[in-house]
Amino acid sequence: MISWFAETFSEAPSQVDNPAHEEMKALVRGRQGLIDVRARLEMQKEHEAPALVRKARARLLKKLADEIAALDTAIAATIKTTPDFAKRAEIIQSVPGFAEGTAMALLGGLPELGQVSDEVAAALVGVAPYDDDSGKRRGERCIKGGRRWVRNALYMPCVGAATLNNPVFKAFYERLIAKGKPPKIAIVACIRKLIIILNTMIARGETWDPKRYRVA
């Protein structure tokens, strides 16, 4: 395990104290935490409950929406006034199907984008496939580790891109489904594809080029 860690993360940039990034990370993680709470409350709405409980949930959901909106405003202002954040956000949001939420998650949770290899970037998010082999046995590949909250924040945007909004990701997703891959595994593969594409785009300082990433 120690050897694997050293080989995987040896090229990751040294951690340098960056107050702007630490503030962004705290804001984005706080926002994602509230979104997770909202999702759990919304799931509870499907179950029968007394009117008093339903009204309490509705008030909480309204309050959560207001607080999330306030954090969105604060994060957007921070991005706008920080040139490096603004440039990275522009690149991320140029990918069809990915908007402010994706940019926020990656700015706060994956500052290494554009500075490490594709393999390391995927491993940091926890979408790099690892084998489960032992001797002659060949187990299924699986993901492990990484920054789970970043992966969770990217899941639904990738669902939208893979099923509705991005022809490149839609074609990739449909090919995986046609090969018999379960939808969740196909979406994780889409997250990995997104990370690898953005890693290259940010390293080069380039926005989305439909000709480069056209549907194969």
N, C-alpha and C. Protein backbone atom coordinates (compact mmCIF):
# COMPACT_ATOMS: atom_id res chain seq x y z
N MET A 1 0.83 -1.20 0.00
CA MET A 1 0.00 0.00 0.00
C MET A 1 0.87 1.26 0.00
N ILE A 2 1.92 1.26 0.82
CA ILE A 2 2.83 2.42 0.87
C ILE A 2 3.50 2.62 -0.49
N SER A 3 3.90 1.49 -1.11
CA SER A 3 4.54 1.57 -2.42
C SER A 3 3.58 2.13 -3.46
N TRP A 4 2.32 1.63 -3.43
CA TRP A 4 1.31 2.13 -4.38
C TRP A 4 1.10 3.63 -4.21
N PHE A 5 1.01 4.09 -2.96
CA PHE A 5 0.77 5.50 -2.70
C PHE A 5 1.92 6.34 -3.24
N ALA A 6 3.15 5.88 -2.99
CA ALA A 6 4.32 6.64 -3.44
C ALA A 6 4.38 6.71 -4.95
N GLU A 7 4.08 5.60 -5.63
CA GLU A 7 4.12 5.58 -7.08
C GLU A 7 3.02 6.45 -7.69
N THR A 8 1.85 6.42 -7.08
CA THR A 8 0.69 7.14 -7.63
C THR A 8 0.80 8.64 -7.43
N PHE A 9 1.25 9.05 -6.25
CA PHE A 9 1.20 10.47 -5.91
C PHE A 9 2.57 11.14 -5.85
N SER A 10 3.60 10.47 -6.35
CA SER A 10 4.94 11.05 -6.27
C SER A 10 5.06 12.35 -7.05
N GLU A 11 4.27 12.48 -8.13
CA GLU A 11 4.40 13.68 -8.94
C GLU A 11 3.41 14.77 -8.55
N ALA A 12 2.58 14.52 -7.57
CA ALA A 12 1.63 15.54 -7.14
C ALA A 12 2.39 16.74 -6.60
N PRO A 13 1.96 17.98 -6.92
CA PRO A 13 2.68 19.15 -6.44
C PRO A 13 2.65 19.23 -4.93
N SER A 14 3.73 19.78 -4.39
CA SER A 14 3.81 19.93 -2.94
C SER A 14 2.70 20.83 -2.44
N GLN A 15 2.21 20.54 -1.25
CA GLN A 15 1.15 21.35 -0.67
C GLN A 15 1.72 22.68 -0.21
N VAL A 16 1.27 23.73 -0.81
CA VAL A 16 1.73 25.07 -0.47
C VAL A 16 0.56 25.81 0.18
N ASP A 17 0.84 26.52 1.24
CA ASP A 17 -0.20 27.26 1.92
C ASP A 17 -0.80 28.29 0.98
N ASN A 18 -2.08 28.16 0.71
CA ASN A 18 -2.75 29.06 -0.21
C ASN A 18 -4.08 29.47 0.42
N PRO A 19 -4.10 30.61 1.11
CA PRO A 19 -5.32 31.04 1.81
C PRO A 19 -6.54 31.13 0.90
N ALA A 20 -6.34 31.59 -0.35
CA ALA A 20 -7.47 31.73 -1.28
C ALA A 20 -8.08 30.37 -1.58
N HIS A 21 -7.22 29.37 -1.80
CA HIS A 21 -7.76 28.04 -2.09
C HIS A 21 -8.41 27.43 -0.86
N GLU A 22 -7.80 27.62 0.31
CA GLU A 22 -8.39 27.06 1.53
C GLU A 22 -9.78 27.63 1.78
N GLU A 23 -9.94 28.93 1.53
CA GLU A 23 -11.26 29.55 1.69
C GLU A 23 -12.24 28.98 0.68
N MET A 24 -11.79 28.84 -0.58
CA MET A 24 -12.65 28.29 -1.62
C MET A 24 -13.06 26.87 -1.26
N LYS A 25 -12.10 26.07 -0.82
CA LYS A 25 -12.39 24.69 -0.44
C LYS A 25 -13.44 24.63 0.67
N ALA A 26 -13.28 25.49 1.68
CA ALA A 26 -14.22 25.49 2.80
C ALA A 26 -15.62 25.89 2.34
N LEU A 27 -15.70 26.90 1.48
CA LEU A 27 -17.00 27.34 0.97
C LEU A 27 -17.68 26.24 0.15
N VAL A 28 -16.89 25.61 -0.73
CA VAL A 28 -17.45 24.60 -1.63
C VAL A 28 -17.86 23.35 -0.85
N ARG A 29 -17.04 22.94 0.11
CA ARG A 29 -17.40 21.77 0.92
C ARG A 29 -18.64 22.06 1.76
N GLY A 30 -18.73 23.27 2.27
CA GLY A 30 -19.92 23.65 3.03
C GLY A 30 -21.16 23.62 2.15
N ARG A 31 -21.03 24.12 0.93
CA ARG A 31 -22.14 24.10 -0.02
C ARG A 31 -22.56 22.67 -0.33
N GLN A 32 -21.58 21.79 -0.60
CA GLN A 32 -21.90 20.41 -0.93
C GLN A 32 -22.55 19.70 0.25
N GLY A 33 -22.12 20.03 1.46
CA GLY A 33 -22.74 19.45 2.64
C GLY A 33 -24.21 19.79 2.75
N LEU A 34 -24.55 21.05 2.46
CA LEU A 34 -25.95 21.47 2.49
C LEU A 34 -26.76 20.79 1.38
N ILE A 35 -26.13 20.63 0.22
CA ILE A 35 -26.81 19.95 -0.89
C ILE A 35 -27.10 18.50 -0.52
N ASP A 36 -26.16 17.85 0.17
CA ASP A 36 -26.38 16.46 0.60
C ASP A 36 -27.54 16.37 1.60
N VAL A 37 -27.59 17.34 2.53
CA VAL A 37 -28.69 17.35 3.51
C VAL A 37 -30.02 17.55 2.79
N ARG A 38 -30.05 18.46 1.82
CA ARG A 38 -31.27 18.71 1.06
C ARG A 38 -31.73 17.44 0.32
N ALA A 39 -30.76 16.72 -0.26
CA ALA A 39 -31.11 15.50 -0.98
C ALA A 39 -31.74 14.46 -0.05
N ARG A 40 -31.20 14.34 1.15
CA ARG A 40 -31.77 13.38 2.10
C ARG A 40 -33.18 13.77 2.53
N LEU A 41 -33.40 15.07 2.73
CA LEU A 41 -34.74 15.54 3.11
C LEU A 41 -35.73 15.32 1.97
N GLU A 42 -35.29 15.56 0.75
CA GLU A 42 -36.18 15.39 -0.39
C GLU A 42 -36.56 13.92 -0.58
N MET A 43 -35.64 13.01 -0.26
CA MET A 43 -35.96 11.59 -0.33
C MET A 43 -37.02 11.21 0.70
N GLN A 44 -36.98 11.86 1.85
CA GLN A 44 -37.96 11.57 2.90
C GLN A 44 -39.36 12.02 2.52
N LYS A 45 -39.45 12.97 1.59
CA LYS A 45 -40.76 13.45 1.16
C LYS A 45 -41.58 12.36 0.49
N GLU A 46 -40.90 11.30 0.03
CA GLU A 46 -41.61 10.22 -0.64
C GLU A 46 -42.40 9.35 0.34
N HIS A 47 -42.08 9.44 1.63
CA HIS A 47 -42.74 8.61 2.62
C HIS A 47 -43.88 9.38 3.29
N GLU A 48 -44.89 8.65 3.67
CA GLU A 48 -46.03 9.26 4.36
C GLU A 48 -45.58 9.80 5.72
N ALA A 49 -46.10 10.97 6.07
CA ALA A 49 -45.77 11.58 7.35
C ALA A 49 -46.91 12.50 7.76
N PRO A 50 -47.05 12.74 9.05
CA PRO A 50 -48.09 13.68 9.49
C PRO A 50 -47.87 15.06 8.88
N ALA A 51 -48.94 15.82 8.80
CA ALA A 51 -48.88 17.14 8.19
C ALA A 51 -47.84 18.02 8.86
N LEU A 52 -47.73 17.94 10.20
CA LEU A 52 -46.78 18.77 10.93
C LEU A 52 -45.34 18.47 10.49
N VAL A 53 -45.05 17.18 10.27
CA VAL A 53 -43.70 16.79 9.83
C VAL A 53 -43.45 17.28 8.41
N ARG A 54 -44.46 17.15 7.55
CA ARG A 54 -44.29 17.61 6.16
C ARG A 54 -44.03 19.10 6.11
N LYS A 55 -44.73 19.86 6.94
CA LYS A 55 -44.53 21.31 6.96
C LYS A 55 -43.14 21.67 7.49
N ALA A 56 -42.67 20.91 8.49
CA ALA A 56 -41.34 21.16 9.04
C ALA A 56 -40.27 20.90 7.97
N ARG A 57 -40.45 19.82 7.22
CA ARG A 57 -39.51 19.52 6.14
C ARG A 57 -39.51 20.62 5.08
N ALA A 58 -40.71 21.10 4.76
CA ALA A 58 -40.82 22.15 3.75
C ALA A 58 -40.09 23.41 4.19
N ARG A 59 -40.22 23.76 5.48
CA ARG A 59 -39.52 24.95 5.99
C ARG A 59 -38.01 24.75 5.93
N LEU A 60 -37.56 23.55 6.30
CA LEU A 60 -36.13 23.26 6.26
C LEU A 60 -35.59 23.32 4.83
N LEU A 61 -36.36 22.78 3.89
CA LEU A 61 -35.92 22.80 2.50
C LEU A 61 -35.84 24.23 1.97
N LYS A 62 -36.80 25.07 2.37
CA LYS A 62 -36.76 26.48 1.96
C LYS A 62 -35.53 27.17 2.55
N LYS A 63 -35.24 26.91 3.82
CA LYS A 63 -34.08 27.51 4.46
C LYS A 63 -32.79 27.03 3.82
N LEU A 64 -32.73 25.74 3.51
CA LEU A 64 -31.54 25.20 2.86
C LEU A 64 -31.33 25.84 1.49
N ALA A 65 -32.41 26.01 0.74
CA ALA A 65 -32.30 26.64 -0.58
C ALA A 65 -31.74 28.05 -0.45
N ASP A 66 -32.20 28.79 0.55
CA ASP A 66 -31.71 30.16 0.76
C ASP A 66 -30.22 30.16 1.12
N GLU A 67 -29.81 29.23 1.99
CA GLU A 67 -28.41 29.18 2.42
C GLU A 67 -27.50 28.73 1.29
N ILE A 68 -27.96 27.79 0.48
CA ILE A 68 -27.16 27.35 -0.67
C ILE A 68 -27.00 28.50 -1.66
N ALA A 69 -28.09 29.24 -1.88
CA ALA A 69 -28.02 30.39 -2.78
C ALA A 69 -27.04 31.43 -2.27
N ALA A 70 -27.00 31.65 -0.95
CA ALA A 70 -26.07 32.62 -0.37
C ALA A 70 -24.63 32.17 -0.58
N LEU A 71 -24.37 30.87 -0.42
CA LEU A 71 -23.03 30.35 -0.65
C LEU A 71 -22.66 30.43 -2.13
N ASP A 72 -23.62 30.16 -3.00
CA ASP A 72 -23.37 30.30 -4.44
C ASP A 72 -22.91 31.71 -4.78
N THR A 73 -23.58 32.69 -4.19
CA THR A 73 -23.22 34.09 -4.44
C THR A 73 -21.82 34.39 -3.94
N ALA A 74 -21.49 33.91 -2.74
CA ALA A 74 -20.16 34.15 -2.17
C ALA A 74 -19.07 33.47 -2.99
N ILE A 75 -19.33 32.24 -3.41
CA ILE A 75 -18.33 31.51 -4.20
C ILE A 75 -18.14 32.18 -5.56
N ALA A 76 -19.24 32.57 -6.20
CA ALA A 76 -19.15 33.24 -7.50
C ALA A 76 -18.35 34.53 -7.40
N ALA A 77 -18.55 35.28 -6.32
CA ALA A 77 -17.81 36.53 -6.12
C ALA A 77 -16.32 36.25 -5.93
N THR A 78 -16.00 35.19 -5.19
CA THR A 78 -14.59 34.83 -4.99
C THR A 78 -13.93 34.43 -6.31
N ILE A 79 -14.65 33.67 -7.12
CA ILE A 79 -14.11 33.26 -8.43
C ILE A 79 -13.87 34.48 -9.31
N LYS A 80 -14.84 35.38 -9.32
CA LYS A 80 -14.75 36.56 -10.19
C LYS A 80 -13.57 37.45 -9.83
N THR A 81 -13.25 37.56 -8.55
CA THR A 81 -12.20 38.47 -8.10
C THR A 81 -10.83 37.80 -7.98
N THR A 82 -10.74 36.51 -8.32
CA THR A 82 -9.47 35.79 -8.27
C THR A 82 -9.13 35.33 -9.68
N PRO A 83 -8.16 35.96 -10.35
CA PRO A 83 -7.89 35.67 -11.76
C PRO A 83 -7.66 34.19 -12.07
N ASP A 84 -6.91 33.48 -11.24
CA ASP A 84 -6.65 32.06 -11.50
C ASP A 84 -7.94 31.25 -11.44
N PHE A 85 -8.78 31.54 -10.44
CA PHE A 85 -10.06 30.85 -10.34
C PHE A 85 -10.93 31.16 -11.55
N ALA A 86 -10.96 32.43 -11.93
CA ALA A 86 -11.82 32.86 -13.04
C ALA A 86 -11.42 32.16 -14.34
N LYS A 87 -10.12 32.04 -14.58
CA LYS A 87 -9.65 31.39 -15.81
C LYS A 87 -9.99 29.91 -15.80
N ARG A 88 -9.77 29.25 -14.67
CA ARG A 88 -10.09 27.82 -14.58
C ARG A 88 -11.60 27.59 -14.72
N ALA A 89 -12.38 28.44 -14.09
CA ALA A 89 -13.83 28.30 -14.18
C ALA A 89 -14.31 28.46 -15.63
N GLU A 90 -13.71 29.41 -16.35
CA GLU A 90 -14.07 29.61 -17.75
C GLU A 90 -13.79 28.35 -18.57
N ILE A 91 -12.66 27.73 -18.32
CA ILE A 91 -12.30 26.50 -19.05
C ILE A 91 -13.27 25.38 -18.72
N ILE A 92 -13.53 25.18 -17.44
CA ILE A 92 -14.43 24.09 -17.02
C ILE A 92 -15.83 24.27 -17.59
N GLN A 93 -16.34 25.49 -17.50
CA GLN A 93 -17.71 25.75 -17.94
C GLN A 93 -17.85 25.78 -19.45
N SER A 94 -16.72 25.77 -20.17
CA SER A 94 -16.81 25.74 -21.63
C SER A 94 -17.19 24.35 -22.14
N VAL A 95 -17.06 23.33 -21.27
CA VAL A 95 -17.44 21.97 -21.65
C VAL A 95 -18.97 21.87 -21.62
N PRO A 96 -19.62 21.57 -22.74
CA PRO A 96 -21.08 21.50 -22.78
C PRO A 96 -21.65 20.55 -21.72
N GLY A 97 -22.63 21.04 -20.97
CA GLY A 97 -23.28 20.22 -19.95
C GLY A 97 -22.74 20.44 -18.56
N PHE A 98 -21.66 21.21 -18.43
CA PHE A 98 -21.07 21.43 -17.12
C PHE A 98 -21.04 22.93 -16.82
N ALA A 99 -21.65 23.30 -15.70
CA ALA A 99 -21.83 24.71 -15.39
C ALA A 99 -21.15 25.09 -14.09
N GLU A 100 -21.74 26.09 -13.39
CA GLU A 100 -21.10 26.66 -12.21
C GLU A 100 -20.83 25.63 -11.12
N GLY A 101 -21.77 24.71 -10.90
CA GLY A 101 -21.61 23.73 -9.84
C GLY A 101 -20.37 22.87 -10.03
N THR A 102 -20.13 22.44 -11.28
CA THR A 102 -18.95 21.64 -11.58
C THR A 102 -17.68 22.44 -11.37
N ALA A 103 -17.69 23.69 -11.83
CA ALA A 103 -16.52 24.55 -11.65
C ALA A 103 -16.22 24.76 -10.17
N MET A 104 -17.25 25.01 -9.38
CA MET A 104 -17.07 25.21 -7.95
C MET A 104 -16.43 23.98 -7.30
N ALA A 105 -16.97 22.80 -7.62
CA ALA A 105 -16.47 21.56 -7.02
C ALA A 105 -15.00 21.34 -7.35
N LEU A 106 -14.62 21.58 -8.60
CA LEU A 106 -13.25 21.32 -9.01
C LEU A 106 -12.28 22.40 -8.54
N LEU A 107 -12.73 23.64 -8.48
CA LEU A 107 -11.87 24.70 -7.96
C LEU A 107 -11.56 24.47 -6.49
N GLY A 108 -12.58 24.04 -5.74
CA GLY A 108 -12.38 23.83 -4.31
C GLY A 108 -11.76 22.49 -3.98
N GLY A 109 -12.05 21.47 -4.79
CA GLY A 109 -11.67 20.12 -4.43
C GLY A 109 -10.55 19.49 -5.21
N LEU A 110 -10.17 20.09 -6.35
CA LEU A 110 -9.11 19.49 -7.16
C LEU A 110 -8.20 20.57 -7.78
N PRO A 111 -7.48 21.31 -6.93
CA PRO A 111 -6.60 22.36 -7.43
C PRO A 111 -5.43 21.81 -8.24
N GLU A 112 -5.19 20.49 -8.15
CA GLU A 112 -4.07 19.88 -8.87
C GLU A 112 -4.33 19.74 -10.37
N LEU A 113 -5.56 19.93 -10.81
CA LEU A 113 -5.88 19.79 -12.23
C LEU A 113 -4.94 20.64 -13.08
N GLY A 114 -4.40 20.03 -14.13
CA GLY A 114 -3.49 20.74 -15.01
C GLY A 114 -2.04 20.71 -14.56
N GLN A 115 -1.78 20.12 -13.39
CA GLN A 115 -0.41 20.08 -12.86
C GLN A 115 0.10 18.65 -12.66
N VAL A 116 -0.75 17.66 -12.85
CA VAL A 116 -0.38 16.27 -12.63
C VAL A 116 -0.78 15.45 -13.86
N SER A 117 -0.37 14.18 -13.86
CA SER A 117 -0.74 13.30 -14.97
C SER A 117 -2.23 12.96 -14.90
N ASP A 118 -2.75 12.44 -16.01
CA ASP A 118 -4.16 12.03 -16.05
C ASP A 118 -4.44 10.96 -14.99
N GLU A 119 -3.50 10.03 -14.83
CA GLU A 119 -3.68 8.93 -13.87
C GLU A 119 -3.79 9.46 -12.44
N VAL A 120 -2.93 10.42 -12.09
CA VAL A 120 -2.97 10.98 -10.75
C VAL A 120 -4.24 11.79 -10.54
N ALA A 121 -4.63 12.57 -11.55
CA ALA A 121 -5.86 13.37 -11.44
C ALA A 121 -7.06 12.47 -11.19
N ALA A 122 -7.15 11.36 -11.94
CA ALA A 122 -8.26 10.42 -11.76
C ALA A 122 -8.21 9.77 -10.38
N ALA A 123 -7.00 9.44 -9.92
CA ALA A 123 -6.85 8.81 -8.61
C ALA A 123 -7.25 9.76 -7.49
N LEU A 124 -6.94 11.04 -7.64
CA LEU A 124 -7.28 12.02 -6.61
C LEU A 124 -8.80 12.13 -6.42
N VAL A 125 -9.54 11.96 -7.51
CA VAL A 125 -11.00 12.00 -7.42
C VAL A 125 -11.57 10.64 -7.02
N GLY A 126 -10.75 9.59 -7.17
CA GLY A 126 -11.23 8.25 -6.83
C GLY A 126 -11.98 7.58 -7.95
N VAL A 127 -11.62 7.89 -9.21
CA VAL A 127 -12.29 7.25 -10.35
C VAL A 127 -11.29 6.48 -11.22
N ALA A 128 -10.10 6.22 -10.66
CA ALA A 128 -9.13 5.40 -11.38
C ALA A 128 -9.43 3.93 -11.10
N PRO A 129 -9.51 3.09 -12.14
CA PRO A 129 -9.83 1.66 -11.91
C PRO A 129 -8.61 0.90 -11.40
N TYR A 130 -8.80 0.09 -10.39
CA TYR A 130 -7.75 -0.76 -9.85
C TYR A 130 -8.19 -2.21 -9.95
N ASP A 131 -7.19 -3.09 -10.16
CA ASP A 131 -7.54 -4.51 -10.30
C ASP A 131 -7.73 -5.16 -8.93
N ASP A 132 -8.34 -6.32 -8.98
CA ASP A 132 -8.56 -7.13 -7.77
C ASP A 132 -8.07 -8.54 -8.07
N ASP A 133 -6.84 -8.63 -8.60
CA ASP A 133 -6.29 -9.90 -9.02
C ASP A 133 -5.51 -10.55 -7.88
N SER A 134 -5.48 -11.86 -7.90
CA SER A 134 -4.69 -12.61 -6.93
C SER A 134 -4.29 -13.94 -7.56
N GLY A 135 -3.00 -14.07 -7.85
CA GLY A 135 -2.55 -15.27 -8.53
C GLY A 135 -3.16 -15.37 -9.91
N LYS A 136 -3.83 -16.50 -10.19
CA LYS A 136 -4.46 -16.68 -11.49
C LYS A 136 -5.86 -16.07 -11.54
N ARG A 137 -6.39 -15.70 -10.38
CA ARG A 137 -7.74 -15.12 -10.34
C ARG A 137 -7.72 -13.70 -10.86
N ARG A 138 -8.67 -13.37 -11.69
CA ARG A 138 -8.80 -12.01 -12.22
C ARG A 138 -10.13 -11.44 -11.74
N GLY A 139 -10.04 -10.53 -10.78
CA GLY A 139 -11.25 -9.93 -10.23
C GLY A 139 -11.70 -8.73 -11.06
N GLU A 140 -12.86 -8.21 -10.71
CA GLU A 140 -13.38 -7.04 -11.41
C GLU A 140 -12.60 -5.79 -11.01
N ARG A 141 -12.44 -4.89 -11.97
CA ARG A 141 -11.79 -3.61 -11.68
C ARG A 141 -12.76 -2.77 -10.86
N CYS A 142 -12.20 -1.97 -9.95
CA CYS A 142 -13.06 -1.14 -9.11
C CYS A 142 -12.34 0.16 -8.77
N ILE A 143 -13.11 1.13 -8.32
CA ILE A 143 -12.52 2.40 -7.87
C ILE A 143 -12.40 2.36 -6.35
N LYS A 144 -11.48 3.15 -5.83
CA LYS A 144 -11.32 3.21 -4.38
C LYS A 144 -10.60 4.49 -4.01
N GLY A 145 -10.82 4.92 -2.77
CA GLY A 145 -10.12 6.09 -2.26
C GLY A 145 -10.53 7.37 -2.96
N GLY A 146 -9.64 8.33 -2.93
CA GLY A 146 -9.90 9.60 -3.57
C GLY A 146 -10.79 10.51 -2.75
N ARG A 147 -11.12 11.65 -3.31
CA ARG A 147 -11.93 12.66 -2.63
C ARG A 147 -13.40 12.42 -2.95
N ARG A 148 -14.02 11.69 -2.06
CA ARG A 148 -15.38 11.24 -2.32
C ARG A 148 -16.34 12.40 -2.52
N TRP A 149 -16.19 13.47 -1.76
CA TRP A 149 -17.14 14.57 -1.87
C TRP A 149 -17.04 15.23 -3.24
N VAL A 150 -15.84 15.26 -3.83
CA VAL A 150 -15.68 15.82 -5.17
C VAL A 150 -16.36 14.89 -6.18
N ARG A 151 -16.12 13.59 -6.01
CA ARG A 151 -16.75 12.60 -6.90
C ARG A 151 -18.28 12.70 -6.84
N ASN A 152 -18.82 12.84 -5.64
CA ASN A 152 -20.27 12.96 -5.48
C ASN A 152 -20.79 14.23 -6.15
N ALA A 153 -20.03 15.32 -6.04
CA ALA A 153 -20.46 16.58 -6.64
C ALA A 153 -20.48 16.51 -8.16
N LEU A 154 -19.65 15.63 -8.74
CA LEU A 154 -19.57 15.52 -10.20
C LEU A 154 -20.56 14.52 -10.78
N TYR A 155 -21.15 13.70 -9.92
CA TYR A 155 -21.97 12.58 -10.41
C TYR A 155 -23.18 13.06 -11.22
N MET A 156 -24.03 13.91 -10.62
CA MET A 156 -25.24 14.34 -11.32
C MET A 156 -24.95 15.18 -12.56
N PRO A 157 -23.97 16.11 -12.52
CA PRO A 157 -23.64 16.82 -13.77
C PRO A 157 -23.23 15.85 -14.89
N CYS A 158 -22.51 14.78 -14.53
CA CYS A 158 -22.11 13.80 -15.55
C CYS A 158 -23.31 13.01 -16.05
N VAL A 159 -24.28 12.74 -15.18
CA VAL A 159 -25.51 12.09 -15.62
C VAL A 159 -26.19 12.95 -16.68
N GLY A 160 -26.30 14.24 -16.41
CA GLY A 160 -26.93 15.14 -17.37
C GLY A 160 -26.17 15.22 -18.68
N ALA A 161 -24.84 15.33 -18.59
CA ALA A 161 -24.02 15.42 -19.80
C ALA A 161 -24.09 14.13 -20.62
N ALA A 162 -24.10 12.99 -19.92
CA ALA A 162 -24.07 11.70 -20.60
C ALA A 162 -25.41 11.29 -21.20
N THR A 163 -26.47 11.86 -20.70
CA THR A 163 -27.80 11.45 -21.19
C THR A 163 -28.52 12.55 -21.97
N LEU A 164 -28.04 13.81 -21.85
CA LEU A 164 -28.79 14.90 -22.46
C LEU A 164 -27.94 15.94 -23.18
N ASN A 165 -26.90 16.45 -22.51
CA ASN A 165 -26.35 17.75 -22.90
C ASN A 165 -25.04 17.76 -23.68
N ASN A 166 -24.31 16.65 -23.70
CA ASN A 166 -23.00 16.67 -24.35
C ASN A 166 -22.89 15.48 -25.30
N PRO A 167 -22.85 15.74 -26.61
CA PRO A 167 -22.82 14.63 -27.59
C PRO A 167 -21.63 13.69 -27.40
N VAL A 168 -20.48 14.23 -27.00
CA VAL A 168 -19.29 13.40 -26.82
C VAL A 168 -19.48 12.43 -25.65
N PHE A 169 -19.93 12.96 -24.52
CA PHE A 169 -20.15 12.11 -23.35
C PHE A 169 -21.34 11.18 -23.56
N LYS A 170 -22.34 11.65 -24.29
CA LYS A 170 -23.52 10.82 -24.56
C LYS A 170 -23.13 9.60 -25.40
N ALA A 171 -22.31 9.82 -26.43
CA ALA A 171 -21.87 8.71 -27.27
C ALA A 171 -21.00 7.74 -26.47
N PHE A 172 -20.13 8.27 -25.62
CA PHE A 172 -19.26 7.44 -24.79
C PHE A 172 -20.09 6.59 -23.82
N TYR A 173 -21.05 7.23 -23.18
CA TYR A 173 -21.93 6.54 -22.23
C TYR A 173 -22.73 5.44 -22.92
N GLU A 174 -23.29 5.75 -24.08
CA GLU A 174 -24.12 4.77 -24.79
C GLU A 174 -23.30 3.58 -25.27
N ARG A 175 -22.03 3.81 -25.64
CA ARG A 175 -21.16 2.70 -26.04
C ARG A 175 -20.92 1.76 -24.86
N LEU A 176 -20.70 2.34 -23.67
CA LEU A 176 -20.47 1.52 -22.48
C LEU A 176 -21.72 0.70 -22.12
N ILE A 177 -22.88 1.35 -22.21
CA ILE A 177 -24.14 0.64 -21.92
C ILE A 177 -24.34 -0.49 -22.92
N ALA A 178 -24.04 -0.24 -24.19
CA ALA A 178 -24.19 -1.27 -25.23
C ALA A 178 -23.27 -2.46 -24.98
N LYS A 179 -22.15 -2.21 -24.29
CA LYS A 179 -21.22 -3.30 -23.97
C LYS A 179 -21.63 -4.04 -22.70
N GLY A 180 -22.74 -3.61 -22.10
CA GLY A 180 -23.24 -4.31 -20.92
C GLY A 180 -22.82 -3.71 -19.59
N LYS A 181 -22.20 -2.53 -19.61
CA LYS A 181 -21.80 -1.90 -18.36
C LYS A 181 -23.03 -1.34 -17.63
N PRO A 182 -23.12 -1.54 -16.31
CA PRO A 182 -24.22 -0.95 -15.54
C PRO A 182 -24.15 0.57 -15.62
N PRO A 183 -25.31 1.25 -15.57
CA PRO A 183 -25.33 2.71 -15.69
C PRO A 183 -24.40 3.43 -14.72
N LYS A 184 -24.35 2.99 -13.45
CA LYS A 184 -23.49 3.68 -12.48
C LYS A 184 -22.02 3.57 -12.84
N ILE A 185 -21.61 2.41 -13.31
CA ILE A 185 -20.22 2.24 -13.73
C ILE A 185 -19.92 3.09 -14.95
N ALA A 186 -20.89 3.19 -15.86
CA ALA A 186 -20.71 4.02 -17.05
C ALA A 186 -20.58 5.49 -16.68
N ILE A 187 -21.34 5.94 -15.67
CA ILE A 187 -21.25 7.33 -15.24
C ILE A 187 -19.90 7.60 -14.58
N VAL A 188 -19.41 6.65 -13.78
CA VAL A 188 -18.08 6.81 -13.17
C VAL A 188 -17.02 6.93 -14.27
N ALA A 189 -17.17 6.15 -15.33
CA ALA A 189 -16.24 6.24 -16.46
C ALA A 189 -16.33 7.62 -17.11
N CYS A 190 -17.54 8.19 -17.16
CA CYS A 190 -17.73 9.54 -17.70
C CYS A 190 -17.04 10.58 -16.81
N ILE A 191 -17.12 10.39 -15.51
CA ILE A 191 -16.42 11.31 -14.59
C ILE A 191 -14.92 11.24 -14.86
N ARG A 192 -14.39 10.03 -15.02
CA ARG A 192 -12.96 9.88 -15.31
C ARG A 192 -12.61 10.56 -16.63
N LYS A 193 -13.45 10.39 -17.63
CA LYS A 193 -13.21 11.03 -18.94
C LYS A 193 -13.20 12.55 -18.79
N LEU A 194 -14.14 13.08 -18.01
CA LEU A 194 -14.20 14.53 -17.78
C LEU A 194 -12.92 15.03 -17.12
N ILE A 195 -12.46 14.33 -16.09
CA ILE A 195 -11.26 14.74 -15.37
C ILE A 195 -10.05 14.75 -16.30
N ILE A 196 -9.93 13.73 -17.14
CA ILE A 196 -8.78 13.64 -18.05
C ILE A 196 -8.83 14.75 -19.09
N ILE A 197 -10.01 15.02 -19.63
CA ILE A 197 -10.15 16.10 -20.62
C ILE A 197 -9.81 17.44 -19.98
N LEU A 198 -10.37 17.70 -18.81
CA LEU A 198 -10.12 18.98 -18.14
C LEU A 198 -8.67 19.12 -17.71
N ASN A 199 -8.05 18.03 -17.34
CA ASN A 199 -6.63 18.08 -16.95
C ASN A 199 -5.79 18.60 -18.11
N THR A 200 -6.10 18.13 -19.30
CA THR A 200 -5.38 18.59 -20.50
C THR A 200 -5.74 20.03 -20.84
N MET A 201 -7.03 20.35 -20.80
CA MET A 201 -7.47 21.70 -21.16
C MET A 201 -6.86 22.75 -20.23
N ILE A 202 -6.86 22.47 -18.93
CA ILE A 202 -6.33 23.45 -17.97
C ILE A 202 -4.82 23.56 -18.11
N ALA A 203 -4.14 22.44 -18.33
CA ALA A 203 -2.69 22.48 -18.52
C ALA A 203 -2.32 23.35 -19.72
N ARG A 204 -3.14 23.30 -20.75
CA ARG A 204 -2.87 24.07 -21.98
C ARG A 204 -3.51 25.45 -21.97
N GLY A 205 -4.38 25.69 -20.99
CA GLY A 205 -5.08 26.97 -20.95
C GLY A 205 -6.08 27.12 -22.07
N GLU A 206 -6.67 26.00 -22.51
CA GLU A 206 -7.59 26.00 -23.64
C GLU A 206 -9.02 25.72 -23.21
N THR A 207 -9.97 26.33 -23.89
CA THR A 207 -11.38 26.02 -23.66
C THR A 207 -11.78 24.87 -24.59
N TRP A 208 -13.02 24.41 -24.41
CA TRP A 208 -13.54 23.25 -25.16
C TRP A 208 -13.46 23.48 -26.66
N ASP A 209 -12.92 22.52 -27.37
CA ASP A 209 -12.83 22.56 -28.82
C ASP A 209 -13.65 21.40 -29.39
N PRO A 210 -14.81 21.69 -29.99
CA PRO A 210 -15.67 20.61 -30.51
C PRO A 210 -14.94 19.74 -31.54
N LYS A 211 -13.99 20.29 -32.26
CA LYS A 211 -13.28 19.51 -33.27
C LYS A 211 -12.33 18.50 -32.61
N ARG A 212 -11.71 18.91 -31.50
CA ARG A 212 -10.78 18.01 -30.81
C ARG A 212 -11.52 16.87 -30.13
N TYR A 213 -12.69 17.20 -29.54
CA TYR A 213 -13.43 16.20 -28.76
C TYR A 213 -14.71 15.78 -29.46
N ARG A 214 -14.69 15.77 -30.78
CA ARG A 214 -15.89 15.41 -31.54
C ARG A 214 -16.25 13.94 -31.30
N VAL A 215 -17.51 13.63 -31.56
CA VAL A 215 -17.99 12.26 -31.38
C VAL A 215 -17.27 11.34 -32.35
N ALA A 216 -16.70 10.26 -31.81
CA ALA A 216 -15.96 9.31 -32.66
C ALA A 216 -16.93 8.48 -33.50
